[in-house]
N, C-alpha and C. Protein backbone atom coordinates (compact mmCIF):
# COMPACT_ATOMS: atom_id res chain seq x y z
N MET A 1 -60.34 57.65 19.96
CA MET A 1 -60.30 58.19 18.53
C MET A 1 -59.68 59.35 18.83
N THR A 2 -58.54 59.53 17.86
CA THR A 2 -58.09 60.48 17.49
C THR A 2 -58.44 62.01 16.89
N PRO A 3 -57.81 63.46 17.17
CA PRO A 3 -58.79 64.26 16.12
C PRO A 3 -58.61 64.28 15.32
N LEU A 4 -57.41 63.66 14.05
CA LEU A 4 -57.28 63.47 13.16
C LEU A 4 -58.16 62.73 12.44
N LEU A 5 -58.44 61.58 13.30
CA LEU A 5 -59.34 60.38 12.46
C LEU A 5 -60.78 60.85 12.45
N SER A 6 -61.17 61.74 13.46
CA SER A 6 -62.48 61.97 13.75
C SER A 6 -62.90 63.35 12.68
N CYS A 7 -61.57 64.06 12.56
CA CYS A 7 -62.11 65.01 11.41
C CYS A 7 -62.13 64.21 10.15
N ALA A 8 -61.47 62.89 9.84
CA ALA A 8 -61.44 62.96 8.61
C ALA A 8 -62.64 61.75 8.30
N LEU A 9 -63.91 61.93 9.33
CA LEU A 9 -65.02 61.15 8.77
C LEU A 9 -65.90 62.35 7.98
N ALA A 10 -65.39 63.50 7.75
CA ALA A 10 -65.86 64.59 7.04
C ALA A 10 -65.16 64.17 5.54
N ILE A 11 -64.10 63.25 5.55
CA ILE A 11 -63.17 63.23 3.74
C ILE A 11 -64.26 62.09 3.52
N ALA A 12 -64.21 61.30 4.66
CA ALA A 12 -65.43 59.89 4.12
C ALA A 12 -66.66 60.23 3.71
N LEU A 13 -67.31 61.15 4.07
CA LEU A 13 -68.44 61.97 3.43
C LEU A 13 -68.35 62.93 2.25
N ALA A 14 -66.96 63.29 2.32
CA ALA A 14 -66.46 63.74 0.67
C ALA A 14 -66.39 63.46 0.17
N ALA A 15 -65.99 61.92 -0.08
CA ALA A 15 -65.97 60.75 -1.18
C ALA A 15 -67.27 60.71 -1.83
N ALA A 16 -68.22 60.19 -0.90
CA ALA A 16 -69.52 59.77 -0.96
C ALA A 16 -70.25 61.08 -1.91
N LEU A 17 -70.14 62.27 -1.46
CA LEU A 17 -70.53 63.51 -1.77
C LEU A 17 -69.96 63.58 -3.63
N ALA A 18 -68.74 63.24 -3.56
CA ALA A 18 -67.73 63.30 -4.77
C ALA A 18 -68.36 62.13 -5.93
N ALA A 19 -68.93 61.57 -5.52
CA ALA A 19 -69.60 60.36 -5.84
C ALA A 19 -70.92 60.83 -6.80
N SER A 20 -71.98 61.19 -5.68
CA SER A 20 -73.13 61.36 -6.20
C SER A 20 -73.03 62.72 -6.76
N ASP A 21 -72.12 64.10 -6.88
CA ASP A 21 -71.77 64.73 -7.97
C ASP A 21 -72.18 64.28 -9.10
N ALA A 22 -71.72 62.95 -9.57
CA ALA A 22 -71.80 62.81 -10.92
C ALA A 22 -73.11 62.44 -11.64
N ALA A 23 -73.94 61.95 -10.26
CA ALA A 23 -75.20 61.60 -10.39
C ALA A 23 -75.96 62.99 -10.30
N GLY A 24 -75.78 63.95 -10.51
CA GLY A 24 -76.42 64.74 -10.16
C GLY A 24 -77.15 65.44 -8.85
N GLU A 25 -76.40 64.53 -7.69
CA GLU A 25 -76.89 64.53 -6.30
C GLU A 25 -76.00 64.39 -5.28
N PRO A 26 -75.53 66.01 -5.40
CA PRO A 26 -74.45 66.27 -4.20
C PRO A 26 -74.55 66.50 -3.09
N SER A 27 -75.83 66.20 -2.32
CA SER A 27 -76.17 66.82 -1.12
C SER A 27 -76.46 65.27 -0.42
N VAL A 28 -75.93 65.78 0.83
CA VAL A 28 -76.64 64.44 1.73
C VAL A 28 -78.25 64.16 2.49
N GLY A 29 -78.28 65.64 2.11
CA GLY A 29 -79.93 65.65 2.77
C GLY A 29 -80.19 67.04 2.80
N GLY A 30 -81.61 67.21 2.57
CA GLY A 30 -82.56 68.74 2.38
C GLY A 30 -82.51 69.08 3.94
N VAL A 31 -82.33 70.14 4.45
CA VAL A 31 -82.08 70.94 5.97
C VAL A 31 -82.89 72.68 5.80
N GLN A 32 -83.03 72.92 6.56
CA GLN A 32 -83.85 74.30 6.87
C GLN A 32 -82.88 74.65 8.09
N MET A 33 -82.36 76.13 8.18
CA MET A 33 -81.88 75.96 9.05
C MET A 33 -82.12 78.05 9.52
N ARG A 34 -82.96 78.76 10.88
CA ARG A 34 -82.85 80.21 10.81
C ARG A 34 -81.64 80.66 10.91
N LEU A 35 -81.17 81.74 10.01
CA LEU A 35 -80.45 82.56 10.25
C LEU A 35 -80.40 83.83 10.83
N GLU A 36 -79.32 84.20 11.80
CA GLU A 36 -79.50 85.43 12.45
C GLU A 36 -78.73 86.55 12.15
N PRO A 37 -79.59 87.75 12.70
CA PRO A 37 -78.89 89.30 12.37
C PRO A 37 -77.50 89.59 12.63
N SER A 38 -77.03 88.46 13.65
CA SER A 38 -75.64 88.79 14.51
C SER A 38 -74.51 87.93 13.32
N ASP A 39 -75.31 87.13 12.64
CA ASP A 39 -74.15 86.33 12.15
C ASP A 39 -73.01 86.98 11.21
N GLN A 40 -71.91 86.53 11.25
CA GLN A 40 -70.68 86.80 10.44
C GLN A 40 -71.08 86.36 9.03
N PHE A 41 -70.94 87.61 8.40
CA PHE A 41 -70.90 86.75 7.02
C PHE A 41 -70.05 88.18 5.74
N LEU A 42 -69.60 87.15 4.73
CA LEU A 42 -68.74 87.82 3.92
C LEU A 42 -69.97 87.72 2.26
N GLY A 43 -70.05 88.52 1.76
CA GLY A 43 -70.60 89.24 0.39
C GLY A 43 -71.89 89.80 0.70
N ARG A 44 -72.92 89.62 -0.80
CA ARG A 44 -73.70 90.52 -0.79
C ARG A 44 -74.54 90.06 0.17
N ALA A 45 -75.95 90.99 1.40
CA ALA A 45 -76.67 90.21 1.67
C ALA A 45 -77.74 89.64 0.99
N ASP A 46 -77.74 90.06 -0.24
CA ASP A 46 -78.63 89.69 -0.84
C ASP A 46 -78.53 88.62 -1.98
N ALA A 47 -77.57 88.19 -1.93
CA ALA A 47 -77.02 87.13 -2.51
C ALA A 47 -77.82 85.96 -3.22
N PRO A 48 -77.57 85.46 -4.45
CA PRO A 48 -78.72 84.23 -4.68
C PRO A 48 -78.43 82.89 -3.81
N LEU A 49 -77.22 82.90 -3.53
CA LEU A 49 -77.04 81.64 -2.68
C LEU A 49 -76.80 81.95 -1.42
N THR A 50 -76.68 81.24 -0.43
CA THR A 50 -75.99 81.52 0.81
C THR A 50 -75.20 80.27 1.06
N MET A 51 -74.32 80.18 1.65
CA MET A 51 -73.29 78.93 2.80
C MET A 51 -73.08 79.34 3.58
N VAL A 52 -73.85 78.35 4.77
CA VAL A 52 -72.89 78.46 6.36
C VAL A 52 -71.96 77.33 6.56
N GLU A 53 -70.97 77.81 6.51
CA GLU A 53 -69.51 76.66 7.53
C GLU A 53 -69.54 76.54 8.99
N PHE A 54 -69.94 75.49 9.50
CA PHE A 54 -69.84 75.10 10.40
C PHE A 54 -68.01 74.84 10.64
N THR A 55 -67.34 75.54 11.30
CA THR A 55 -65.96 75.30 11.27
C THR A 55 -65.55 74.84 13.26
N ASP A 56 -64.53 74.46 12.90
CA ASP A 56 -63.36 73.92 14.02
C ASP A 56 -61.91 74.58 13.49
N TYR A 57 -61.90 75.82 14.80
CA TYR A 57 -60.55 76.04 14.45
C TYR A 57 -59.31 75.30 14.68
N GLN A 58 -59.41 74.40 15.60
CA GLN A 58 -58.45 72.91 15.80
C GLN A 58 -58.37 71.90 14.66
N CYS A 59 -59.27 71.53 13.78
CA CYS A 59 -59.49 71.01 13.09
C CYS A 59 -58.86 71.05 11.52
N PRO A 60 -57.63 70.12 11.44
CA PRO A 60 -56.75 70.21 10.09
C PRO A 60 -57.42 70.21 8.62
N PHE A 61 -58.74 69.61 8.71
CA PHE A 61 -59.25 69.84 7.53
C PHE A 61 -59.99 70.85 6.87
N CYS A 62 -60.33 71.63 8.23
CA CYS A 62 -60.96 73.05 8.05
C CYS A 62 -59.96 74.13 7.80
N ARG A 63 -58.87 74.13 8.08
CA ARG A 63 -57.46 74.57 7.74
C ARG A 63 -57.12 74.37 6.25
N ARG A 64 -57.27 72.85 5.80
CA ARG A 64 -57.02 72.50 4.71
C ARG A 64 -58.09 73.29 3.81
N PHE A 65 -59.68 73.18 4.00
CA PHE A 65 -60.35 74.08 2.95
C PHE A 65 -59.97 75.14 2.81
N HIS A 66 -59.56 75.86 4.26
CA HIS A 66 -59.01 77.28 4.44
C HIS A 66 -58.34 77.70 2.96
N ALA A 67 -57.23 76.77 3.19
CA ALA A 67 -55.97 77.19 2.28
C ALA A 67 -56.09 76.77 0.94
N GLY A 68 -57.00 75.85 0.75
CA GLY A 68 -56.69 75.41 -0.48
C GLY A 68 -58.07 75.96 -1.92
N THR A 69 -59.58 75.67 -0.76
CA THR A 69 -60.63 75.97 -1.51
C THR A 69 -61.74 77.17 -1.55
N TRP A 70 -61.04 78.04 -0.06
CA TRP A 70 -61.82 79.00 -0.03
C TRP A 70 -61.37 80.21 -0.35
N PRO A 71 -59.86 80.24 -1.02
CA PRO A 71 -59.70 81.56 -2.22
C PRO A 71 -60.47 81.39 -3.21
N HIS A 72 -60.72 80.11 -3.86
CA HIS A 72 -61.37 79.98 -5.25
C HIS A 72 -62.73 80.11 -4.86
N LEU A 73 -63.30 80.02 -3.82
CA LEU A 73 -64.90 80.13 -3.54
C LEU A 73 -65.07 81.70 -3.14
N LYS A 74 -64.14 82.54 -2.69
CA LYS A 74 -64.51 84.11 -1.89
C LYS A 74 -63.76 84.50 -3.57
N ARG A 75 -63.10 84.35 -4.65
CA ARG A 75 -62.76 85.21 -5.72
C ARG A 75 -64.24 84.83 -7.00
N ASP A 76 -64.65 83.65 -6.99
CA ASP A 76 -65.47 83.29 -8.17
C ASP A 76 -66.99 83.32 -7.36
N TRP A 77 -66.96 83.51 -6.50
CA TRP A 77 -68.47 83.19 -6.10
C TRP A 77 -69.11 84.36 -5.17
N VAL A 78 -67.93 84.70 -3.66
CA VAL A 78 -68.13 85.60 -2.99
C VAL A 78 -68.27 86.82 -3.69
N ASP A 79 -67.22 87.53 -4.33
CA ASP A 79 -67.05 88.43 -4.53
C ASP A 79 -67.25 89.08 -5.99
N THR A 80 -68.03 88.10 -6.66
CA THR A 80 -68.92 88.35 -7.85
C THR A 80 -70.15 88.52 -6.86
N GLY A 81 -70.97 88.19 -5.98
CA GLY A 81 -72.06 88.61 -5.78
C GLY A 81 -72.96 87.55 -5.90
N LYS A 82 -72.62 85.91 -5.75
CA LYS A 82 -73.44 85.23 -6.28
C LYS A 82 -73.40 84.37 -5.01
N LEU A 83 -72.67 84.58 -3.96
CA LEU A 83 -72.85 83.62 -2.71
C LEU A 83 -72.78 84.82 -1.43
N ARG A 84 -73.38 84.10 -0.48
CA ARG A 84 -73.04 85.12 0.85
C ARG A 84 -72.77 83.92 1.57
N PHE A 85 -71.64 83.91 1.87
CA PHE A 85 -70.78 83.39 3.23
C PHE A 85 -70.99 83.68 4.70
N ILE A 86 -71.62 82.74 5.22
CA ILE A 86 -71.63 82.95 6.88
C ILE A 86 -70.30 81.86 8.02
N VAL A 87 -69.73 82.01 8.28
CA VAL A 87 -69.22 81.52 9.38
C VAL A 87 -69.81 80.80 10.89
N ARG A 88 -70.30 79.98 11.05
CA ARG A 88 -70.62 79.37 12.37
C ARG A 88 -69.67 78.21 13.08
N ASP A 89 -69.84 78.39 14.67
CA ASP A 89 -68.93 77.28 15.30
C ASP A 89 -69.37 76.14 15.19
N LEU A 90 -68.40 75.05 15.61
CA LEU A 90 -68.59 73.62 15.43
C LEU A 90 -67.29 73.59 16.49
N PRO A 91 -66.61 73.74 17.41
CA PRO A 91 -65.92 73.12 18.22
C PRO A 91 -65.62 71.63 18.63
N LEU A 92 -65.08 70.81 18.19
CA LEU A 92 -65.68 69.25 18.38
C LEU A 92 -65.10 69.26 19.82
N PRO A 93 -65.48 68.28 20.39
CA PRO A 93 -65.48 68.20 21.93
C PRO A 93 -63.82 67.67 22.62
N PHE A 94 -63.35 66.89 21.74
CA PHE A 94 -62.01 66.41 21.84
C PHE A 94 -60.93 67.68 21.82
N HIS A 95 -61.31 68.54 20.85
CA HIS A 95 -60.46 69.76 20.86
C HIS A 95 -60.04 70.81 21.84
N ALA A 96 -59.81 70.90 22.59
CA ALA A 96 -59.40 71.98 23.53
C ALA A 96 -59.29 73.18 23.52
N ALA A 97 -58.65 73.44 22.57
CA ALA A 97 -58.05 75.02 22.10
C ALA A 97 -59.58 75.62 21.16
N ALA A 98 -60.15 74.51 20.44
CA ALA A 98 -61.16 74.95 19.55
C ALA A 98 -62.18 76.32 20.00
N GLY A 99 -62.82 75.93 21.35
CA GLY A 99 -63.76 76.83 21.99
C GLY A 99 -62.57 78.22 22.01
N PRO A 100 -62.21 78.16 22.96
CA PRO A 100 -61.29 79.59 22.77
C PRO A 100 -61.01 80.23 22.15
N ALA A 101 -60.41 79.57 20.69
CA ALA A 101 -59.95 80.08 19.79
C ALA A 101 -61.64 80.47 19.06
N ALA A 102 -63.07 79.86 18.79
CA ALA A 102 -64.03 80.71 18.32
C ALA A 102 -64.35 81.92 19.18
N GLU A 103 -63.92 81.73 20.84
CA GLU A 103 -64.47 82.96 21.66
C GLU A 103 -63.26 84.14 20.86
N ALA A 104 -62.15 84.00 20.54
CA ALA A 104 -61.06 84.59 19.94
C ALA A 104 -61.60 85.66 18.92
N ALA A 105 -62.08 84.50 17.81
CA ALA A 105 -62.96 85.38 16.72
C ALA A 105 -64.35 86.34 16.82
N HIS A 106 -64.80 86.06 18.05
CA HIS A 106 -66.26 86.73 18.01
C HIS A 106 -65.91 87.85 18.91
N CYS A 107 -64.80 87.80 19.88
CA CYS A 107 -64.20 88.88 20.49
C CYS A 107 -63.77 89.94 19.44
N ALA A 108 -62.95 89.68 18.67
CA ALA A 108 -62.03 89.97 17.75
C ALA A 108 -63.17 91.04 16.88
N GLY A 109 -64.57 90.19 16.68
CA GLY A 109 -65.32 90.79 15.73
C GLY A 109 -66.14 92.52 16.30
N GLU A 110 -66.00 92.17 17.85
CA GLU A 110 -66.24 93.52 18.74
C GLU A 110 -65.52 94.88 17.92
N GLN A 111 -64.09 94.38 17.47
CA GLN A 111 -63.41 95.30 16.99
C GLN A 111 -63.52 95.87 15.44
N GLY A 112 -63.90 95.10 15.20
CA GLY A 112 -64.41 94.49 13.62
C GLY A 112 -62.75 93.87 12.99
N LYS A 113 -62.53 93.35 13.35
CA LYS A 113 -61.58 92.15 13.12
C LYS A 113 -62.06 90.71 13.26
N PHE A 114 -63.30 90.50 12.85
CA PHE A 114 -63.89 88.71 12.81
C PHE A 114 -62.97 87.93 12.09
N TRP A 115 -62.91 88.45 10.57
CA TRP A 115 -63.05 88.10 9.24
C TRP A 115 -61.05 87.58 9.60
N PRO A 116 -60.65 88.90 10.06
CA PRO A 116 -59.00 88.79 9.91
C PRO A 116 -58.42 87.50 11.35
N MET A 117 -59.29 87.91 12.17
CA MET A 117 -59.03 86.66 13.03
C MET A 117 -59.46 85.75 13.00
N HIS A 118 -60.20 85.21 12.17
CA HIS A 118 -60.76 84.24 11.63
C HIS A 118 -59.64 83.49 10.70
N ASP A 119 -59.23 84.32 10.16
CA ASP A 119 -57.94 83.96 8.83
C ASP A 119 -56.81 83.07 9.65
N ALA A 120 -56.59 84.25 10.69
CA ALA A 120 -55.15 84.28 11.39
C ALA A 120 -54.96 82.78 12.06
N LEU A 121 -56.58 82.49 12.31
CA LEU A 121 -56.46 81.38 13.28
C LEU A 121 -56.12 79.82 12.50
N LEU A 122 -56.55 79.90 10.99
CA LEU A 122 -56.99 79.03 10.29
C LEU A 122 -55.61 79.04 9.37
N SER A 123 -54.64 79.70 9.31
CA SER A 123 -53.41 79.89 8.71
C SER A 123 -52.61 79.91 9.52
N GLY A 124 -51.02 80.27 8.77
CA GLY A 124 -49.90 79.93 9.80
C GLY A 124 -49.19 78.84 10.66
N ASP A 125 -49.17 79.39 11.97
CA ASP A 125 -48.79 77.94 12.73
C ASP A 125 -49.84 77.56 13.63
N THR A 126 -49.95 76.50 13.87
CA THR A 126 -51.27 75.57 14.40
C THR A 126 -51.50 76.07 16.00
N GLU A 127 -50.85 76.91 16.51
CA GLU A 127 -50.77 77.17 17.82
C GLU A 127 -51.75 78.19 18.49
N LEU A 128 -52.90 77.28 19.17
CA LEU A 128 -53.92 77.95 19.79
C LEU A 128 -54.10 78.18 20.77
N GLY A 129 -52.98 78.25 21.74
CA GLY A 129 -52.98 78.49 23.20
C GLY A 129 -53.09 80.10 23.39
N ALA A 130 -52.80 80.22 24.27
CA ALA A 130 -53.15 81.69 25.31
C ALA A 130 -52.23 82.59 24.10
N GLN A 131 -51.04 82.13 24.42
CA GLN A 131 -49.59 83.02 23.44
C GLN A 131 -50.29 82.95 22.37
N GLY A 132 -50.46 82.17 21.52
CA GLY A 132 -50.56 81.97 20.04
C GLY A 132 -51.56 83.06 19.53
N ILE A 133 -52.96 82.89 20.46
CA ILE A 133 -54.21 83.75 20.22
C ILE A 133 -53.96 85.05 20.93
N GLU A 134 -53.13 85.60 21.92
CA GLU A 134 -52.19 86.95 22.46
C GLU A 134 -51.30 87.21 20.48
N ARG A 135 -50.70 86.62 20.37
CA ARG A 135 -50.01 86.76 19.29
C ARG A 135 -50.59 87.46 18.03
N ARG A 136 -51.60 86.74 17.77
CA ARG A 136 -52.59 87.11 16.50
C ARG A 136 -53.20 88.39 16.78
N ALA A 137 -53.94 88.39 18.28
CA ALA A 137 -54.21 89.47 18.31
C ALA A 137 -53.62 90.73 18.24
N ARG A 138 -52.25 90.83 18.74
CA ARG A 138 -51.92 92.11 18.82
C ARG A 138 -51.23 92.61 17.43
N ALA A 139 -50.87 91.44 16.21
CA ALA A 139 -50.41 91.31 14.96
C ALA A 139 -52.08 92.64 14.50
N LEU A 140 -53.06 91.87 14.59
CA LEU A 140 -54.20 92.60 14.10
C LEU A 140 -54.18 93.97 15.03
N GLY A 141 -53.76 94.28 15.76
CA GLY A 141 -53.77 95.81 16.13
C GLY A 141 -54.76 95.86 17.30
N LEU A 142 -55.30 95.01 17.58
CA LEU A 142 -56.45 94.57 18.84
C LEU A 142 -56.41 95.67 20.17
N ASP A 143 -56.71 96.43 20.31
CA ASP A 143 -57.24 96.91 21.81
C ASP A 143 -56.82 95.47 22.90
N MET A 144 -56.12 95.48 23.63
CA MET A 144 -55.93 94.47 24.20
C MET A 144 -56.55 94.19 25.51
N SER A 145 -56.64 95.04 25.82
CA SER A 145 -57.55 95.19 27.38
C SER A 145 -58.69 94.93 27.12
N ARG A 146 -59.25 95.70 26.04
CA ARG A 146 -60.28 95.28 25.60
C ARG A 146 -61.14 93.34 25.20
N PHE A 147 -60.09 93.19 24.38
CA PHE A 147 -59.85 91.72 23.66
C PHE A 147 -59.90 91.03 24.67
N GLU A 148 -58.84 91.15 25.76
CA GLU A 148 -58.89 90.14 26.78
C GLU A 148 -59.61 89.92 27.87
N ALA A 149 -60.36 91.06 28.26
CA ALA A 149 -61.47 90.90 29.03
C ALA A 149 -62.74 90.37 28.31
N CYS A 150 -62.81 90.73 26.81
CA CYS A 150 -63.98 90.12 26.42
C CYS A 150 -63.80 88.52 26.52
N VAL A 151 -62.30 88.00 26.31
CA VAL A 151 -61.84 86.42 25.93
C VAL A 151 -62.14 86.03 27.26
N ALA A 152 -61.54 86.11 28.26
CA ALA A 152 -61.64 85.81 29.56
C ALA A 152 -63.01 85.42 30.19
N GLY A 153 -63.65 86.48 29.77
CA GLY A 153 -65.35 86.70 30.29
C GLY A 153 -66.55 85.60 29.69
N GLN A 154 -65.82 84.69 28.44
CA GLN A 154 -66.49 84.17 27.86
C GLN A 154 -67.64 84.52 27.17
N LYS A 155 -67.66 85.55 27.10
CA LYS A 155 -68.98 86.37 26.53
C LYS A 155 -69.52 86.11 25.52
N TYR A 156 -69.20 84.80 24.34
CA TYR A 156 -69.78 84.44 23.65
C TYR A 156 -69.75 82.89 23.86
N ALA A 157 -69.78 82.64 24.76
CA ALA A 157 -70.02 80.71 25.23
C ALA A 157 -70.89 80.45 24.78
N ALA A 158 -71.95 81.17 25.22
CA ALA A 158 -73.79 80.91 24.94
C ALA A 158 -73.80 80.45 23.34
N LEU A 159 -73.29 81.77 22.54
CA LEU A 159 -73.83 81.78 21.23
C LEU A 159 -72.66 80.72 20.91
N ILE A 160 -71.45 80.05 20.92
CA ILE A 160 -70.72 79.12 20.29
C ILE A 160 -71.62 77.89 20.87
N ALA A 161 -72.06 77.59 22.01
CA ALA A 161 -72.58 76.61 22.27
C ALA A 161 -74.28 76.38 21.32
N HIS A 162 -74.58 77.71 21.13
CA HIS A 162 -75.80 77.27 20.63
C HIS A 162 -75.79 76.91 19.03
N ASN A 163 -74.51 77.24 18.36
CA ASN A 163 -74.06 76.87 17.28
C ASN A 163 -73.63 75.31 16.81
N ALA A 164 -72.85 75.12 18.22
CA ALA A 164 -72.66 73.75 17.92
C ALA A 164 -73.78 72.82 18.03
N ALA A 165 -75.11 73.41 19.44
CA ALA A 165 -76.33 72.26 19.14
C ALA A 165 -77.10 72.67 17.92
N GLU A 166 -76.99 73.62 17.13
CA GLU A 166 -77.63 73.59 15.49
C GLU A 166 -77.24 72.94 14.72
N ALA A 167 -75.72 72.75 14.75
CA ALA A 167 -75.14 71.54 14.07
C ALA A 167 -75.56 69.95 14.01
N ASP A 168 -75.63 70.18 15.80
CA ASP A 168 -75.76 68.78 15.62
C ASP A 168 -77.42 68.36 15.69
N ALA A 169 -78.33 69.33 15.68
CA ALA A 169 -79.39 69.39 14.98
C ALA A 169 -80.09 69.09 14.04
N LEU A 170 -78.68 69.48 12.80
CA LEU A 170 -78.64 69.43 11.34
C LEU A 170 -78.41 67.93 11.07
N GLY A 171 -77.63 67.57 12.17
CA GLY A 171 -76.92 66.07 11.72
C GLY A 171 -75.53 66.37 11.35
N LEU A 172 -74.97 67.51 11.75
CA LEU A 172 -73.35 67.81 11.15
C LEU A 172 -72.62 67.03 12.18
N ARG A 173 -72.20 66.31 11.99
CA ARG A 173 -70.66 65.77 13.22
C ARG A 173 -69.39 66.07 13.09
N GLY A 174 -68.70 66.16 11.83
CA GLY A 174 -67.69 66.54 11.12
C GLY A 174 -67.33 67.84 10.99
N THR A 175 -66.53 68.35 10.71
CA THR A 175 -66.19 69.68 10.48
C THR A 175 -64.85 69.66 9.01
N PRO A 176 -65.26 70.46 8.28
CA PRO A 176 -65.56 71.34 7.95
C PRO A 176 -66.81 70.93 7.55
N ALA A 177 -68.18 71.53 7.63
CA ALA A 177 -69.55 71.17 7.40
C ALA A 177 -70.40 72.32 7.25
N PHE A 178 -71.45 72.14 6.13
CA PHE A 178 -71.54 73.08 5.36
C PHE A 178 -73.11 73.18 4.87
N VAL A 179 -74.06 73.90 5.55
CA VAL A 179 -75.37 74.14 4.21
C VAL A 179 -75.20 75.21 3.20
N LEU A 180 -75.90 74.82 2.11
CA LEU A 180 -76.01 75.64 1.02
C LEU A 180 -77.19 75.53 0.45
N GLY A 181 -77.55 77.04 0.39
CA GLY A 181 -79.29 76.81 -0.15
C GLY A 181 -79.25 78.17 -0.67
N ARG A 182 -81.00 78.94 -0.82
CA ARG A 182 -81.62 80.04 -0.82
C ARG A 182 -82.14 80.17 0.64
N VAL A 183 -82.18 81.73 0.58
CA VAL A 183 -82.57 82.16 1.97
C VAL A 183 -84.07 82.63 1.54
N THR A 184 -85.33 82.65 2.63
CA THR A 184 -86.90 83.34 2.61
C THR A 184 -87.07 83.59 3.57
N LEU A 185 -87.29 84.67 3.72
CA LEU A 185 -87.92 85.47 5.11
C LEU A 185 -87.15 84.76 6.37
N GLY A 186 -85.73 84.96 6.38
CA GLY A 186 -84.42 84.36 7.20
C GLY A 186 -84.38 82.96 7.41
N GLN A 187 -84.72 82.48 6.53
CA GLN A 187 -85.04 80.73 6.72
C GLN A 187 -84.08 80.39 5.53
N LEU A 188 -82.76 79.45 5.35
CA LEU A 188 -81.96 79.00 4.77
C LEU A 188 -82.64 77.74 4.65
N SER A 189 -83.01 77.33 3.25
CA SER A 189 -83.57 76.03 2.67
C SER A 189 -82.43 75.49 1.94
N GLY A 190 -81.90 74.57 2.07
CA GLY A 190 -80.53 73.94 1.40
C GLY A 190 -80.30 72.33 1.79
N GLU A 191 -78.97 71.82 1.27
CA GLU A 191 -78.38 71.01 1.57
C GLU A 191 -77.15 70.83 2.45
N ARG A 192 -76.84 69.80 3.08
CA ARG A 192 -76.01 69.56 3.61
C ARG A 192 -74.53 69.08 2.67
N LEU A 193 -73.18 69.41 3.21
CA LEU A 193 -72.20 68.89 2.50
C LEU A 193 -71.25 68.93 3.97
N GLU A 194 -70.45 67.75 3.29
CA GLU A 194 -69.57 67.83 4.78
C GLU A 194 -68.07 67.45 4.00
N GLY A 195 -66.96 67.99 4.81
CA GLY A 195 -65.72 67.62 4.20
C GLY A 195 -64.93 68.59 3.18
N ALA A 196 -63.52 68.51 3.43
CA ALA A 196 -62.44 69.58 3.03
C ALA A 196 -62.59 69.28 1.33
N LEU A 197 -63.56 69.42 0.60
CA LEU A 197 -63.77 68.98 -1.19
C LEU A 197 -63.36 69.77 -1.48
N PRO A 198 -62.57 69.88 -2.79
CA PRO A 198 -61.78 70.13 -3.44
C PRO A 198 -62.58 71.57 -4.26
N TYR A 199 -62.15 72.65 -4.29
CA TYR A 199 -63.06 73.55 -5.11
C TYR A 199 -63.58 72.78 -6.39
N GLN A 200 -62.86 72.07 -7.07
CA GLN A 200 -64.27 71.85 -8.42
C GLN A 200 -65.22 70.99 -8.00
N GLU A 201 -65.01 70.66 -6.49
CA GLU A 201 -66.67 69.90 -6.18
C GLU A 201 -67.21 70.81 -5.61
N PHE A 202 -66.88 72.18 -5.05
CA PHE A 202 -67.96 72.72 -4.43
C PHE A 202 -68.98 73.68 -6.00
N GLU A 203 -67.63 73.72 -6.86
CA GLU A 203 -68.05 74.84 -7.81
C GLU A 203 -69.10 74.12 -8.51
N ALA A 204 -69.01 72.58 -8.83
CA ALA A 204 -69.93 72.15 -9.28
C ALA A 204 -71.71 72.03 -8.16
N VAL A 205 -71.39 71.86 -7.20
CA VAL A 205 -72.61 71.99 -6.53
C VAL A 205 -73.31 72.85 -6.41
N LEU A 206 -72.50 74.18 -6.63
CA LEU A 206 -73.03 75.86 -6.46
C LEU A 206 -73.68 76.06 -7.96
N ALA A 207 -73.07 75.52 -8.88
CA ALA A 207 -73.11 75.56 -10.13
C ALA A 207 -74.85 74.71 -10.14
N GLN A 208 -75.13 73.96 -9.65
CA GLN A 208 -76.79 73.11 -9.98
C GLN A 208 -77.39 74.05 -9.48
N ALA A 209 -76.95 74.43 -8.16
CA ALA A 209 -77.94 75.22 -7.07
C ALA A 209 -78.17 76.57 -7.67
N LEU A 210 -77.31 77.37 -8.30
CA LEU A 210 -77.84 78.14 -9.06
C LEU A 210 -78.55 78.37 -9.59
N ALA A 211 -78.70 77.28 -10.51
CA ALA A 211 -78.99 77.09 -11.92
C ALA A 211 -80.68 76.71 -11.71
N ARG A 212 -80.97 75.96 -10.15
CA ARG A 212 -82.33 75.80 -9.86
C ARG A 212 -83.51 76.77 -9.75
N PRO A 213 -84.28 76.76 -9.75
CA PRO A 213 -85.47 78.12 -9.65
C PRO A 213 -85.40 78.02 -8.16
């Protein structure tokens, strides 16, 4: 199966979700997951809603979500304090560059540049080999000696593997995949969503989740 076809599984699920939205049932099933203090997030820590995205930096549908849907979600929900947005890794096994790219994002995070690197990996050219990652790191003004040592040492390999295993335990197989809900005592209780849904679909699901007690 090609990477494009495998990622397209998320689009098939997205179509099912779009149909269920109209029926007021936009989820694929309720789930629970533990949040970690080390999670990279944007938005208020006490936002009423939390969304976790499991992403693969080599998946074209993750890039589609990042380019088309994410700017609207950030503007209307994250920046307004209604949504905390967390990113976790789900490098698919047939995407050779996805794991090293995830490592690069975490290593950039050591220098306060996780989100700029996350954005850089999902936008612009699709070159995610060593040269592409180095070019992005230099453009972000990272301390290259520190960054390269971190990447070469695979410092975050265990964390990336843990994130992928958790996605599997949640029944998330394609990317991008999401868990949306509310947090109580560090536990996120919510619904699974899969696919690069258009912003209007996410907006409807978010509005319904915010309206629920």
